[in-house]
Amino acid sequence: MLNDVSINAMYYSQRDILLSVYTEQLPISQKLIFIMQHNILAVTKAAKMLDDKTIVYNAKIKTTENNLKNININTSPQSDQSFQLPHGHKKCIQFIRSIKTLRSLLRSDFKRNRF
């Protein structure tokens, strides 16, 4: 059974990965972004069932649903030729951390047969 702490941890890990995808400009497909947004929606709905702050969760659910509607999964990912590695040590470390976190998330979802 999920508790409030684990739901919040899952929500923030998904959200942080999505933020890193956009800020670090990781070359991933729109399908994967759609899957992550869908996971955020599922976690937010589960949190809403456990908590009394439904107004906050309703706003998050509405925002996530709008994000899902705006994703075109048929769009091709960024080409390999246009991809550039980040400059500077800090940016490289953030980039590697983002990829590691994304990898662990994908592995976890794959083990739970979500793909």
PDB file of N, CA and C in Angstrom:
ATOM      1  N   MET A   1       0.840  -1.184   0.000  1.00  0.00           N
ATOM      2  CA  MET A   1       0.000   0.000   0.000  1.00  0.00           C
ATOM      3  C   MET A   1       0.882   1.242   0.000  1.00  0.00           C
ATOM      4  N   LEU A   2       0.535   2.187  -0.825  1.00  0.00           N
ATOM      5  CA  LEU A   2       1.295   3.418  -0.903  1.00  0.00           C
ATOM      6  C   LEU A   2       0.897   4.349   0.225  1.00  0.00           C
ATOM      7  N   ASN A   3       1.902   5.016   0.790  1.00  0.00           N
ATOM      8  CA  ASN A   3       1.591   6.033   1.784  1.00  0.00           C
ATOM      9  C   ASN A   3       1.883   7.406   1.197  1.00  0.00           C
ATOM     10  N   ASP A   4       1.566   8.427   1.952  1.00  0.00           N
ATOM     11  CA  ASP A   4       1.691   9.794   1.472  1.00  0.00           C
ATOM     12  C   ASP A   4       3.133  10.153   1.130  1.00  0.00           C
ATOM     13  N   VAL A   5       4.090   9.660   1.907  1.00  0.00           N
ATOM     14  CA  VAL A   5       5.499   9.974   1.677  1.00  0.00           C
ATOM     15  C   VAL A   5       5.985   9.356   0.372  1.00  0.00           C
ATOM     16  N   SER A   6       5.624   8.088   0.118  1.00  0.00           N
ATOM     17  CA  SER A   6       6.085   7.443  -1.110  1.00  0.00           C
ATOM     18  C   SER A   6       5.427   8.061  -2.339  1.00  0.00           C
ATOM     19  N   ILE A   7       4.179   8.487  -2.222  1.00  0.00           N
ATOM     20  CA  ILE A   7       3.515   9.138  -3.355  1.00  0.00           C
ATOM     21  C   ILE A   7       4.178  10.473  -3.657  1.00  0.00           C
ATOM     22  N   ASN A   8       4.488  11.241  -2.623  1.00  0.00           N
ATOM     23  CA  ASN A   8       5.184  12.510  -2.845  1.00  0.00           C
ATOM     24  C   ASN A   8       6.561  12.279  -3.451  1.00  0.00           C
ATOM     25  N   ALA A   9       7.266  11.263  -2.998  1.00  0.00           N
ATOM     26  CA  ALA A   9       8.588  10.956  -3.546  1.00  0.00           C
ATOM     27  C   ALA A   9       8.488  10.583  -5.025  1.00  0.00           C
ATOM     28  N   MET A  10       7.487   9.775  -5.378  1.00  0.00           N
ATOM     29  CA  MET A  10       7.308   9.395  -6.777  1.00  0.00           C
ATOM     30  C   MET A  10       6.939  10.613  -7.620  1.00  0.00           C
ATOM     31  N   TYR A  11       6.068  11.459  -7.104  1.00  0.00           N
ATOM     32  CA  TYR A  11       5.658  12.646  -7.848  1.00  0.00           C
ATOM     33  C   TYR A  11       6.859  13.548  -8.127  1.00  0.00           C
ATOM     34  N   TYR A  12       7.634  13.834  -7.086  1.00  0.00           N
ATOM     35  CA  TYR A  12       8.756  14.751  -7.263  1.00  0.00           C
ATOM     36  C   TYR A  12       9.869  14.151  -8.099  1.00  0.00           C
ATOM     37  N   SER A  13      10.068  12.844  -8.038  1.00  0.00           N
ATOM     38  CA  SER A  13      11.101  12.243  -8.886  1.00  0.00           C
ATOM     39  C   SER A  13      10.692  12.323 -10.354  1.00  0.00           C
ATOM     40  N   GLN A  14       9.425  12.051 -10.652  1.00  0.00           N
ATOM     41  CA  GLN A  14       8.938  12.171 -12.031  1.00  0.00           C
ATOM     42  C   GLN A  14       9.037  13.618 -12.512  1.00  0.00           C
ATOM     43  N   ARG A  15       8.618  14.540 -11.662  1.00  0.00           N
ATOM     44  CA  ARG A  15       8.649  15.948 -12.036  1.00  0.00           C
ATOM     45  C   ARG A  15      10.084  16.422 -12.256  1.00  0.00           C
ATOM     46  N   ASP A  16      10.996  16.003 -11.379  1.00  0.00           N
ATOM     47  CA  ASP A  16      12.396  16.406 -11.516  1.00  0.00           C
ATOM     48  C   ASP A  16      13.017  15.853 -12.796  1.00  0.00           C
ATOM     49  N   ILE A  17      12.651  14.645 -13.147  1.00  0.00           N
ATOM     50  CA  ILE A  17      13.174  14.077 -14.387  1.00  0.00           C
ATOM     51  C   ILE A  17      12.656  14.866 -15.587  1.00  0.00           C
ATOM     52  N   LEU A  18      11.389  15.194 -15.573  1.00  0.00           N
ATOM     53  CA  LEU A  18      10.849  15.993 -16.677  1.00  0.00           C
ATOM     54  C   LEU A  18      11.515  17.359 -16.758  1.00  0.00           C
ATOM     55  N   LEU A  19      11.747  17.982 -15.626  1.00  0.00           N
ATOM     56  CA  LEU A  19      12.432  19.275 -15.629  1.00  0.00           C
ATOM     57  C   LEU A  19      13.841  19.144 -16.187  1.00  0.00           C
ATOM     58  N   SER A  20      14.528  18.079 -15.813  1.00  0.00           N
ATOM     59  CA  SER A  20      15.890  17.898 -16.324  1.00  0.00           C
ATOM     60  C   SER A  20      15.883  17.602 -17.814  1.00  0.00           C
ATOM     61  N   VAL A  21      14.849  16.912 -18.284  1.00  0.00           N
ATOM     62  CA  VAL A  21      14.737  16.651 -19.721  1.00  0.00           C
ATOM     63  C   VAL A  21      14.643  17.973 -20.476  1.00  0.00           C
ATOM     64  N   TYR A  22      13.839  18.889 -19.957  1.00  0.00           N
ATOM     65  CA  TYR A  22      13.675  20.171 -20.634  1.00  0.00           C
ATOM     66  C   TYR A  22      14.874  21.094 -20.442  1.00  0.00           C
ATOM     67  N   THR A  23      15.428  21.153 -19.242  1.00  0.00           N
ATOM     68  CA  THR A  23      16.527  22.084 -18.998  1.00  0.00           C
ATOM     69  C   THR A  23      17.846  21.584 -19.577  1.00  0.00           C
ATOM     70  N   GLU A  24      18.081  20.287 -19.503  1.00  0.00           N
ATOM     71  CA  GLU A  24      19.330  19.741 -20.035  1.00  0.00           C
ATOM     72  C   GLU A  24      19.206  19.402 -21.519  1.00  0.00           C
ATOM     73  N   GLN A  25      18.006  19.522 -22.044  1.00  0.00           N
ATOM     74  CA  GLN A  25      17.715  19.240 -23.438  1.00  0.00           C
ATOM     75  C   GLN A  25      18.165  17.840 -23.840  1.00  0.00           C
ATOM     76  N   LEU A  26      17.718  16.871 -23.059  1.00  0.00           N
ATOM     77  CA  LEU A  26      18.017  15.480 -23.376  1.00  0.00           C
ATOM     78  C   LEU A  26      17.249  15.079 -24.633  1.00  0.00           C
ATOM     79  N   PRO A  27      17.898  14.401 -25.545  1.00  0.00           N
ATOM     80  CA  PRO A  27      17.221  14.011 -26.785  1.00  0.00           C
ATOM     81  C   PRO A  27      16.348  12.766 -26.597  1.00  0.00           C
ATOM     82  N   ILE A  28      15.147  12.947 -26.049  1.00  0.00           N
ATOM     83  CA  ILE A  28      14.240  11.815 -25.867  1.00  0.00           C
ATOM     84  C   ILE A  28      12.960  12.071 -26.647  1.00  0.00           C
ATOM     85  N   SER A  29      12.236  11.014 -26.898  1.00  0.00           N
ATOM     86  CA  SER A  29      11.041  11.115 -27.734  1.00  0.00           C
ATOM     87  C   SER A  29       9.868  11.706 -26.966  1.00  0.00           C
ATOM     88  N   GLN A  30       8.907  12.192 -27.720  1.00  0.00           N
ATOM     89  CA  GLN A  30       7.683  12.732 -27.129  1.00  0.00           C
ATOM     90  C   GLN A  30       6.863  11.630 -26.470  1.00  0.00           C
ATOM     91  N   LYS A  31       7.009  10.393 -26.959  1.00  0.00           N
ATOM     92  CA  LYS A  31       6.311   9.260 -26.344  1.00  0.00           C
ATOM     93  C   LYS A  31       6.763   9.058 -24.907  1.00  0.00           C
ATOM     94  N   LEU A  32       8.073   9.167 -24.688  1.00  0.00           N
ATOM     95  CA  LEU A  32       8.606   9.008 -23.335  1.00  0.00           C
ATOM     96  C   LEU A  32       8.155  10.150 -22.438  1.00  0.00           C
ATOM     97  N   ILE A  33       8.110  11.347 -22.951  1.00  0.00           N
ATOM     98  CA  ILE A  33       7.607  12.479 -22.180  1.00  0.00           C
ATOM     99  C   ILE A  33       6.134  12.267 -21.849  1.00  0.00           C
ATOM    100  N   PHE A  34       5.375  11.726 -22.800  1.00  0.00           N
ATOM    101  CA  PHE A  34       3.969  11.419 -22.570  1.00  0.00           C
ATOM    102  C   PHE A  34       3.817  10.396 -21.448  1.00  0.00           C
ATOM    103  N   ILE A  35       4.657   9.366 -21.459  1.00  0.00           N
ATOM    104  CA  ILE A  35       4.604   8.332 -20.415  1.00  0.00           C
ATOM    105  C   ILE A  35       4.914   8.932 -19.045  1.00  0.00           C
ATOM    106  N   MET A  36       5.923   9.793 -18.983  1.00  0.00           N
ATOM    107  CA  MET A  36       6.272  10.406 -17.703  1.00  0.00           C
ATOM    108  C   MET A  36       5.157  11.328 -17.214  1.00  0.00           C
ATOM    109  N   GLN A  37       4.550  12.087 -18.120  1.00  0.00           N
ATOM    110  CA  GLN A  37       3.430  12.952 -17.722  1.00  0.00           C
ATOM    111  C   GLN A  37       2.255  12.101 -17.250  1.00  0.00           C
ATOM    112  N   HIS A  38       2.037  10.981 -17.904  1.00  0.00           N
ATOM    113  CA  HIS A  38       0.951  10.077 -17.497  1.00  0.00           C
ATOM    114  C   HIS A  38       1.233   9.506 -16.105  1.00  0.00           C
ATOM    115  N   ASN A  39       2.491   9.185 -15.821  1.00  0.00           N
ATOM    116  CA  ASN A  39       2.865   8.715 -14.483  1.00  0.00           C
ATOM    117  C   ASN A  39       2.615   9.787 -13.430  1.00  0.00           C
ATOM    118  N   ILE A  40       2.942  11.022 -13.762  1.00  0.00           N
ATOM    119  CA  ILE A  40       2.696  12.128 -12.836  1.00  0.00           C
ATOM    120  C   ILE A  40       1.203  12.264 -12.567  1.00  0.00           C
ATOM    121  N   LEU A  41       0.397  12.118 -13.607  1.00  0.00           N
ATOM    122  CA  LEU A  41      -1.047  12.194 -13.440  1.00  0.00           C
ATOM    123  C   LEU A  41      -1.552  11.083 -12.526  1.00  0.00           C
ATOM    124  N   ALA A  42      -1.069   9.874 -12.723  1.00  0.00           N
ATOM    125  CA  ALA A  42      -1.502   8.749 -11.888  1.00  0.00           C
ATOM    126  C   ALA A  42      -1.099   8.942 -10.433  1.00  0.00           C
ATOM    127  N   VAL A  43       0.105   9.420 -10.204  1.00  0.00           N
ATOM    128  CA  VAL A  43       0.578   9.645  -8.840  1.00  0.00           C
ATOM    129  C   VAL A  43      -0.213  10.769  -8.177  1.00  0.00           C
ATOM    130  N   THR A  44      -0.521  11.820  -8.934  1.00  0.00           N
ATOM    131  CA  THR A  44      -1.289  12.935  -8.384  1.00  0.00           C
ATOM    132  C   THR A  44      -2.703  12.497  -8.015  1.00  0.00           C
ATOM    133  N   LYS A  45      -3.307  11.666  -8.844  1.00  0.00           N
ATOM    134  CA  LYS A  45      -4.647  11.162  -8.531  1.00  0.00           C
ATOM    135  C   LYS A  45      -4.622  10.267  -7.292  1.00  0.00           C
ATOM    136  N   ALA A  46      -3.566   9.474  -7.142  1.00  0.00           N
ATOM    137  CA  ALA A  46      -3.438   8.633  -5.945  1.00  0.00           C
ATOM    138  C   ALA A  46      -3.249   9.487  -4.702  1.00  0.00           C
ATOM    139  N   ALA A  47      -2.466  10.560  -4.822  1.00  0.00           N
ATOM    140  CA  ALA A  47      -2.249  11.457  -3.686  1.00  0.00           C
ATOM    141  C   ALA A  47      -3.542  12.170  -3.310  1.00  0.00           C
ATOM    142  N   LYS A  48      -4.342  12.506  -4.306  1.00  0.00           N
ATOM    143  CA  LYS A  48      -5.614  13.179  -4.047  1.00  0.00           C
ATOM    144  C   LYS A  48      -6.547  12.296  -3.214  1.00  0.00           C
ATOM    145  N   MET A  49      -6.506  11.005  -3.470  1.00  0.00           N
ATOM    146  CA  MET A  49      -7.361  10.079  -2.726  1.00  0.00           C
ATOM    147  C   MET A  49      -6.932   9.958  -1.269  1.00  0.00           C
ATOM    148  N   LEU A  50      -5.635  10.190  -0.985  1.00  0.00           N
ATOM    149  CA  LEU A  50      -5.128  10.038   0.376  1.00  0.00           C
ATOM    150  C   LEU A  50      -5.161  11.324   1.192  1.00  0.00           C
ATOM    151  N   ASP A  51      -5.350  12.450   0.537  1.00  0.00           N
ATOM    152  CA  ASP A  51      -5.210  13.730   1.228  1.00  0.00           C
ATOM    153  C   ASP A  51      -6.510  14.528   1.143  1.00  0.00           C
ATOM    154  N   ASP A  52      -6.631  15.496   2.042  1.00  0.00           N
ATOM    155  CA  ASP A  52      -7.823  16.341   2.080  1.00  0.00           C
ATOM    156  C   ASP A  52      -7.686  17.598   1.230  1.00  0.00           C
ATOM    157  N   LYS A  53      -6.497  17.897   0.753  1.00  0.00           N
ATOM    158  CA  LYS A  53      -6.255  19.137   0.003  1.00  0.00           C
ATOM    159  C   LYS A  53      -6.613  18.941  -1.476  1.00  0.00           C
ATOM    160  N   THR A  54      -7.870  18.673  -1.737  1.00  0.00           N
ATOM    161  CA  THR A  54      -8.283  18.342  -3.100  1.00  0.00           C
ATOM    162  C   THR A  54      -8.175  19.508  -4.063  1.00  0.00           C
ATOM    163  N   ILE A  55      -8.263  20.737  -3.575  1.00  0.00           N
ATOM    164  CA  ILE A  55      -8.163  21.900  -4.457  1.00  0.00           C
ATOM    165  C   ILE A  55      -6.772  21.969  -5.078  1.00  0.00           C
ATOM    166  N   VAL A  56      -5.754  21.728  -4.271  1.00  0.00           N
ATOM    167  CA  VAL A  56      -4.376  21.737  -4.768  1.00  0.00           C
ATOM    168  C   VAL A  56      -4.188  20.631  -5.797  1.00  0.00           C
ATOM    169  N   TYR A  57      -4.687  19.451  -5.486  1.00  0.00           N
ATOM    170  CA  TYR A  57      -4.518  18.318  -6.392  1.00  0.00           C
ATOM    171  C   TYR A  57      -5.345  18.492  -7.660  1.00  0.00           C
ATOM    172  N   ASN A  58      -6.518  19.079  -7.549  1.00  0.00           N
ATOM    173  CA  ASN A  58      -7.329  19.312  -8.744  1.00  0.00           C
ATOM    174  C   ASN A  58      -6.598  20.217  -9.733  1.00  0.00           C
ATOM    175  N   ALA A  59      -5.916  21.236  -9.225  1.00  0.00           N
ATOM    176  CA  ALA A  59      -5.154  22.130 -10.098  1.00  0.00           C
ATOM    177  C   ALA A  59      -3.989  21.386 -10.750  1.00  0.00           C
ATOM    178  N   LYS A  60      -3.286  20.553  -9.981  1.00  0.00           N
ATOM    179  CA  LYS A  60      -2.168  19.780 -10.542  1.00  0.00           C
ATOM    180  C   LYS A  60      -2.672  18.789 -11.591  1.00  0.00           C
ATOM    181  N   ILE A  61      -3.805  18.160 -11.313  1.00  0.00           N
ATOM    182  CA  ILE A  61      -4.372  17.192 -12.262  1.00  0.00           C
ATOM    183  C   ILE A  61      -4.768  17.895 -13.554  1.00  0.00           C
ATOM    184  N   LYS A  62      -5.393  19.057 -13.423  1.00  0.00           N
ATOM    185  CA  LYS A  62      -5.811  19.798 -14.617  1.00  0.00           C
ATOM    186  C   LYS A  62      -4.612  20.234 -15.445  1.00  0.00           C
ATOM    187  N   THR A  63      -3.559  20.709 -14.785  1.00  0.00           N
ATOM    188  CA  THR A  63      -2.349  21.119 -15.491  1.00  0.00           C
ATOM    189  C   THR A  63      -1.713  19.938 -16.214  1.00  0.00           C
ATOM    190  N   THR A  64      -1.631  18.812 -15.536  1.00  0.00           N
ATOM    191  CA  THR A  64      -1.024  17.626 -16.141  1.00  0.00           C
ATOM    192  C   THR A  64      -1.854  17.124 -17.315  1.00  0.00           C
ATOM    193  N   GLU A  65      -3.164  17.138 -17.183  1.00  0.00           N
ATOM    194  CA  GLU A  65      -4.026  16.722 -18.292  1.00  0.00           C
ATOM    195  C   GLU A  65      -3.858  17.649 -19.492  1.00  0.00           C
ATOM    196  N   ASN A  66      -3.709  18.938 -19.252  1.00  0.00           N
ATOM    197  CA  ASN A  66      -3.459  19.883 -20.349  1.00  0.00           C
ATOM    198  C   ASN A  66      -2.116  19.608 -21.003  1.00  0.00           C
ATOM    199  N   ASN A  67      -1.104  19.289 -20.182  1.00  0.00           N
ATOM    200  CA  ASN A  67       0.207  18.943 -20.737  1.00  0.00           C
ATOM    201  C   ASN A  67       0.122  17.704 -21.612  1.00  0.00           C
ATOM    202  N   LEU A  68      -0.651  16.722 -21.173  1.00  0.00           N
ATOM    203  CA  LEU A  68      -0.812  15.497 -21.957  1.00  0.00           C
ATOM    204  C   LEU A  68      -1.489  15.776 -23.294  1.00  0.00           C
ATOM    205  N   LYS A  69      -2.464  16.668 -23.290  1.00  0.00           N
ATOM    206  CA  LYS A  69      -3.163  17.008 -24.536  1.00  0.00           C
ATOM    207  C   LYS A  69      -2.243  17.711 -25.526  1.00  0.00           C
ATOM    208  N   ASN A  70      -1.272  18.470 -25.006  1.00  0.00           N
ATOM    209  CA  ASN A  70      -0.383  19.248 -25.872  1.00  0.00           C
ATOM    210  C   ASN A  70       0.799  18.457 -26.412  1.00  0.00           C
ATOM    211  N   ILE A  71       0.978  17.234 -25.975  1.00  0.00           N
ATOM    212  CA  ILE A  71       2.101  16.423 -26.442  1.00  0.00           C
ATOM    213  C   ILE A  71       1.708  15.710 -27.720  1.00  0.00           C
ATOM    214  N   ASN A  72       2.501  15.893 -28.749  1.00  0.00           N
ATOM    215  CA  ASN A  72       2.291  15.191 -30.012  1.00  0.00           C
ATOM    216  C   ASN A  72       3.275  14.026 -30.062  1.00  0.00           C
ATOM    217  N   ILE A  73       2.770  12.816 -29.834  1.00  0.00           N
ATOM    218  CA  ILE A  73       3.672  11.660 -29.751  1.00  0.00           C
ATOM    219  C   ILE A  73       4.217  11.251 -31.110  1.00  0.00           C
ATOM    220  N   ASN A  74       3.698  11.800 -32.176  1.00  0.00           N
ATOM    221  CA  ASN A  74       4.188  11.472 -33.515  1.00  0.00           C
ATOM    222  C   ASN A  74       5.374  12.334 -33.930  1.00  0.00           C
ATOM    223  N   THR A  75       5.714  13.330 -33.121  1.00  0.00           N
ATOM    224  CA  THR A  75       6.858  14.181 -33.411  1.00  0.00           C
ATOM    225  C   THR A  75       8.137  13.382 -33.223  1.00  0.00           C
ATOM    226  N   SER A  76       9.042  13.501 -34.157  1.00  0.00           N
ATOM    227  CA  SER A  76      10.302  12.757 -34.050  1.00  0.00           C
ATOM    228  C   SER A  76      11.214  13.425 -33.028  1.00  0.00           C
ATOM    229  N   PRO A  77      12.052  12.631 -32.352  1.00  0.00           N
ATOM    230  CA  PRO A  77      12.971  13.214 -31.369  1.00  0.00           C
ATOM    231  C   PRO A  77      14.057  14.043 -32.040  1.00  0.00           C
ATOM    232  N   GLN A  78      14.769  14.762 -31.222  1.00  0.00           N
ATOM    233  CA  GLN A  78      15.873  15.587 -31.700  1.00  0.00           C
ATOM    234  C   GLN A  78      16.892  14.699 -32.404  1.00  0.00           C
ATOM    235  N   SER A  79      17.412  15.153 -33.526  1.00  0.00           N
ATOM    236  CA  SER A  79      18.365  14.335 -34.272  1.00  0.00           C
ATOM    237  C   SER A  79      19.703  14.268 -33.540  1.00  0.00           C
ATOM    238  N   ASP A  80      20.446  13.218 -33.822  1.00  0.00           N
ATOM    239  CA  ASP A  80      21.749  13.029 -33.184  1.00  0.00           C
ATOM    240  C   ASP A  80      22.748  14.112 -33.589  1.00  0.00           C
ATOM    241  N   GLN A  81      22.616  14.610 -34.808  1.00  0.00           N
ATOM    242  CA  GLN A  81      23.559  15.621 -35.289  1.00  0.00           C
ATOM    243  C   GLN A  81      23.380  16.963 -34.581  1.00  0.00           C
ATOM    244  N   SER A  82      22.171  17.276 -34.159  1.00  0.00           N
ATOM    245  CA  SER A  82      21.943  18.573 -33.513  1.00  0.00           C
ATOM    246  C   SER A  82      22.220  18.533 -32.015  1.00  0.00           C
ATOM    247  N   PHE A  83      22.456  17.340 -31.468  1.00  0.00           N
ATOM    248  CA  PHE A  83      22.717  17.216 -30.039  1.00  0.00           C
ATOM    249  C   PHE A  83      24.133  17.677 -29.721  1.00  0.00           C
ATOM    250  N   GLN A  84      24.258  18.450 -28.641  1.00  0.00           N
ATOM    251  CA  GLN A  84      25.571  18.916 -28.193  1.00  0.00           C
ATOM    252  C   GLN A  84      25.715  18.614 -26.711  1.00  0.00           C
ATOM    253  N   LEU A  85      26.890  18.148 -26.334  1.00  0.00           N
ATOM    254  CA  LEU A  85      27.159  17.910 -24.925  1.00  0.00           C
ATOM    255  C   LEU A  85      27.212  19.240 -24.188  1.00  0.00           C
ATOM    256  N   PRO A  86      26.835  19.233 -22.924  1.00  0.00           N
ATOM    257  CA  PRO A  86      26.892  20.481 -22.153  1.00  0.00           C
ATOM    258  C   PRO A  86      28.331  20.922 -21.920  1.00  0.00           C
ATOM    259  N   HIS A  87      28.499  22.219 -21.762  1.00  0.00           N
ATOM    260  CA  HIS A  87      29.826  22.780 -21.518  1.00  0.00           C
ATOM    261  C   HIS A  87      30.002  23.026 -20.026  1.00  0.00           C
ATOM    262  N   GLY A  88      31.150  22.706 -19.518  1.00  0.00           N
ATOM    263  CA  GLY A  88      31.450  22.931 -18.114  1.00  0.00           C
ATOM    264  C   GLY A  88      31.202  21.684 -17.275  1.00  0.00           C
ATOM    265  N   HIS A  89      31.952  21.597 -16.174  1.00  0.00           N
ATOM    266  CA  HIS A  89      31.880  20.423 -15.303  1.00  0.00           C
ATOM    267  C   HIS A  89      30.523  20.280 -14.632  1.00  0.00           C
ATOM    268  N   LYS A  90      29.988  21.364 -14.121  1.00  0.00           N
ATOM    269  CA  LYS A  90      28.702  21.295 -13.411  1.00  0.00           C
ATOM    270  C   LYS A  90      27.581  20.840 -14.334  1.00  0.00           C
ATOM    271  N   LYS A  91      27.554  21.379 -15.543  1.00  0.00           N
ATOM    272  CA  LYS A  91      26.520  20.996 -16.501  1.00  0.00           C
ATOM    273  C   LYS A  91      26.656  19.522 -16.892  1.00  0.00           C
ATOM    274  N   CYS A  92      27.896  19.051 -17.046  1.00  0.00           N
ATOM    275  CA  CYS A  92      28.115  17.633 -17.384  1.00  0.00           C
ATOM    276  C   CYS A  92      27.640  16.724 -16.260  1.00  0.00           C
ATOM    277  N   ILE A  93      27.922  17.105 -15.032  1.00  0.00           N
ATOM    278  CA  ILE A  93      27.494  16.299 -13.881  1.00  0.00           C
ATOM    279  C   ILE A  93      25.970  16.279 -13.800  1.00  0.00           C
ATOM    280  N   GLN A  94      25.310  17.419 -14.003  1.00  0.00           N
ATOM    281  CA  GLN A  94      23.845  17.466 -14.005  1.00  0.00           C
ATOM    282  C   GLN A  94      23.275  16.598 -15.125  1.00  0.00           C
ATOM    283  N   PHE A  95      23.915  16.645 -16.268  1.00  0.00           N
ATOM    284  CA  PHE A  95      23.476  15.860 -17.414  1.00  0.00           C
ATOM    285  C   PHE A  95      23.570  14.361 -17.111  1.00  0.00           C
ATOM    286  N   ILE A  96      24.681  13.938 -16.541  1.00  0.00           N
ATOM    287  CA  ILE A  96      24.875  12.523 -16.202  1.00  0.00           C
ATOM    288  C   ILE A  96      23.883  12.089 -15.128  1.00  0.00           C
ATOM    289  N   ARG A  97      23.658  12.919 -14.133  1.00  0.00           N
ATOM    290  CA  ARG A  97      22.668  12.597 -13.091  1.00  0.00           C
ATOM    291  C   ARG A  97      21.269  12.457 -13.683  1.00  0.00           C
ATOM    292  N   SER A  98      20.936  13.332 -14.602  1.00  0.00           N
ATOM    293  CA  SER A  98      19.621  13.261 -15.239  1.00  0.00           C
ATOM    294  C   SER A  98      19.456  11.954 -15.999  1.00  0.00           C
ATOM    295  N   ILE A  99      20.487  11.563 -16.714  1.00  0.00           N
ATOM    296  CA  ILE A  99      20.424  10.318 -17.475  1.00  0.00           C
ATOM    297  C   ILE A  99      20.331   9.120 -16.534  1.00  0.00           C
ATOM    298  N   LYS A 100      21.095   9.134 -15.443  1.00  0.00           N
ATOM    299  CA  LYS A 100      21.028   8.035 -14.474  1.00  0.00           C
ATOM    300  C   LYS A 100      19.641   7.920 -13.852  1.00  0.00           C
ATOM    301  N   THR A 101      19.061   9.050 -13.497  1.00  0.00           N
ATOM    302  CA  THR A 101      17.733   9.043 -12.891  1.00  0.00           C
ATOM    303  C   THR A 101      16.690   8.560 -13.893  1.00  0.00           C
ATOM    304  N   LEU A 102      16.791   9.017 -15.120  1.00  0.00           N
ATOM    305  CA  LEU A 102      15.883   8.572 -16.162  1.00  0.00           C
ATOM    306  C   LEU A 102      16.024   7.074 -16.403  1.00  0.00           C
ATOM    307  N   ARG A 103      17.241   6.590 -16.407  1.00  0.00           N
ATOM    308  CA  ARG A 103      17.498   5.155 -16.599  1.00  0.00           C
ATOM    309  C   ARG A 103      16.869   4.331 -15.481  1.00  0.00           C
ATOM    310  N   SER A 104      17.046   4.766 -14.237  1.00  0.00           N
ATOM    311  CA  SER A 104      16.468   4.017 -13.119  1.00  0.00           C
ATOM    312  C   SER A 104      14.946   4.050 -13.154  1.00  0.00           C
ATOM    313  N   LEU A 105      14.376   5.172 -13.552  1.00  0.00           N
ATOM    314  CA  LEU A 105      12.924   5.266 -13.683  1.00  0.00           C
ATOM    315  C   LEU A 105      12.415   4.312 -14.761  1.00  0.00           C
ATOM    316  N   LEU A 106      13.086   4.295 -15.895  1.00  0.00           N
ATOM    317  CA  LEU A 106      12.672   3.409 -16.979  1.00  0.00           C
ATOM    318  C   LEU A 106      12.813   1.944 -16.585  1.00  0.00           C
ATOM    319  N   ARG A 107      13.877   1.617 -15.904  1.00  0.00           N
ATOM    320  CA  ARG A 107      14.079   0.244 -15.449  1.00  0.00           C
ATOM    321  C   ARG A 107      12.968  -0.160 -14.476  1.00  0.00           C
ATOM    322  N   SER A 108      12.629   0.728 -13.556  1.00  0.00           N
ATOM    323  CA  SER A 108      11.575   0.447 -12.596  1.00  0.00           C
ATOM    324  C   SER A 108      10.230   0.245 -13.281  1.00  0.00           C
ATOM    325  N   ASP A 109       9.911   1.124 -14.218  1.00  0.00           N
ATOM    326  CA  ASP A 109       8.644   0.994 -14.950  1.00  0.00           C
ATOM    327  C   ASP A 109       8.623  -0.268 -15.808  1.00  0.00           C
ATOM    328  N   PHE A 110       9.761  -0.608 -16.372  1.00  0.00           N
ATOM    329  CA  PHE A 110       9.823  -1.809 -17.208  1.00  0.00           C
ATOM    330  C   PHE A 110       9.618  -3.067 -16.367  1.00  0.00           C
ATOM    331  N   LYS A 111      10.187  -3.087 -15.157  1.00  0.00           N
ATOM    332  CA  LYS A 111      10.014  -4.241 -14.277  1.00  0.00           C
ATOM    333  C   LYS A 111       8.555  -4.402 -13.836  1.00  0.00           C
ATOM    334  N   ARG A 112       7.832  -3.288 -13.748  1.00  0.00           N
ATOM    335  CA  ARG A 112       6.418  -3.347 -13.363  1.00  0.00           C
ATOM    336  C   ARG A 112       5.502  -3.501 -14.572  1.00  0.00           C
ATOM    337  N   ASN A 113       6.080  -3.807 -15.720  1.00  0.00           N
ATOM    338  CA  ASN A 113       5.345  -4.042 -16.973  1.00  0.00           C
ATOM    339  C   ASN A 113       4.481  -2.862 -17.385  1.00  0.00           C
ATOM    340  N   ARG A 114       5.016  -1.666 -17.247  1.00  0.00           N
ATOM    341  CA  ARG A 114       4.279  -0.476 -17.677  1.00  0.00           C
ATOM    342  C   ARG A 114       4.563  -0.137 -19.138  1.00  0.00           C
ATOM    343  N   PHE A 115       5.526  -0.841 -19.724  1.00  0.00           N
ATOM    344  CA  PHE A 115       5.847  -0.595 -21.156  1.00  0.00           C
ATOM    345  C   PHE A 115       5.386  -1.763 -21.957  1.00  0.00           C
TER     346      PHE A 115
END
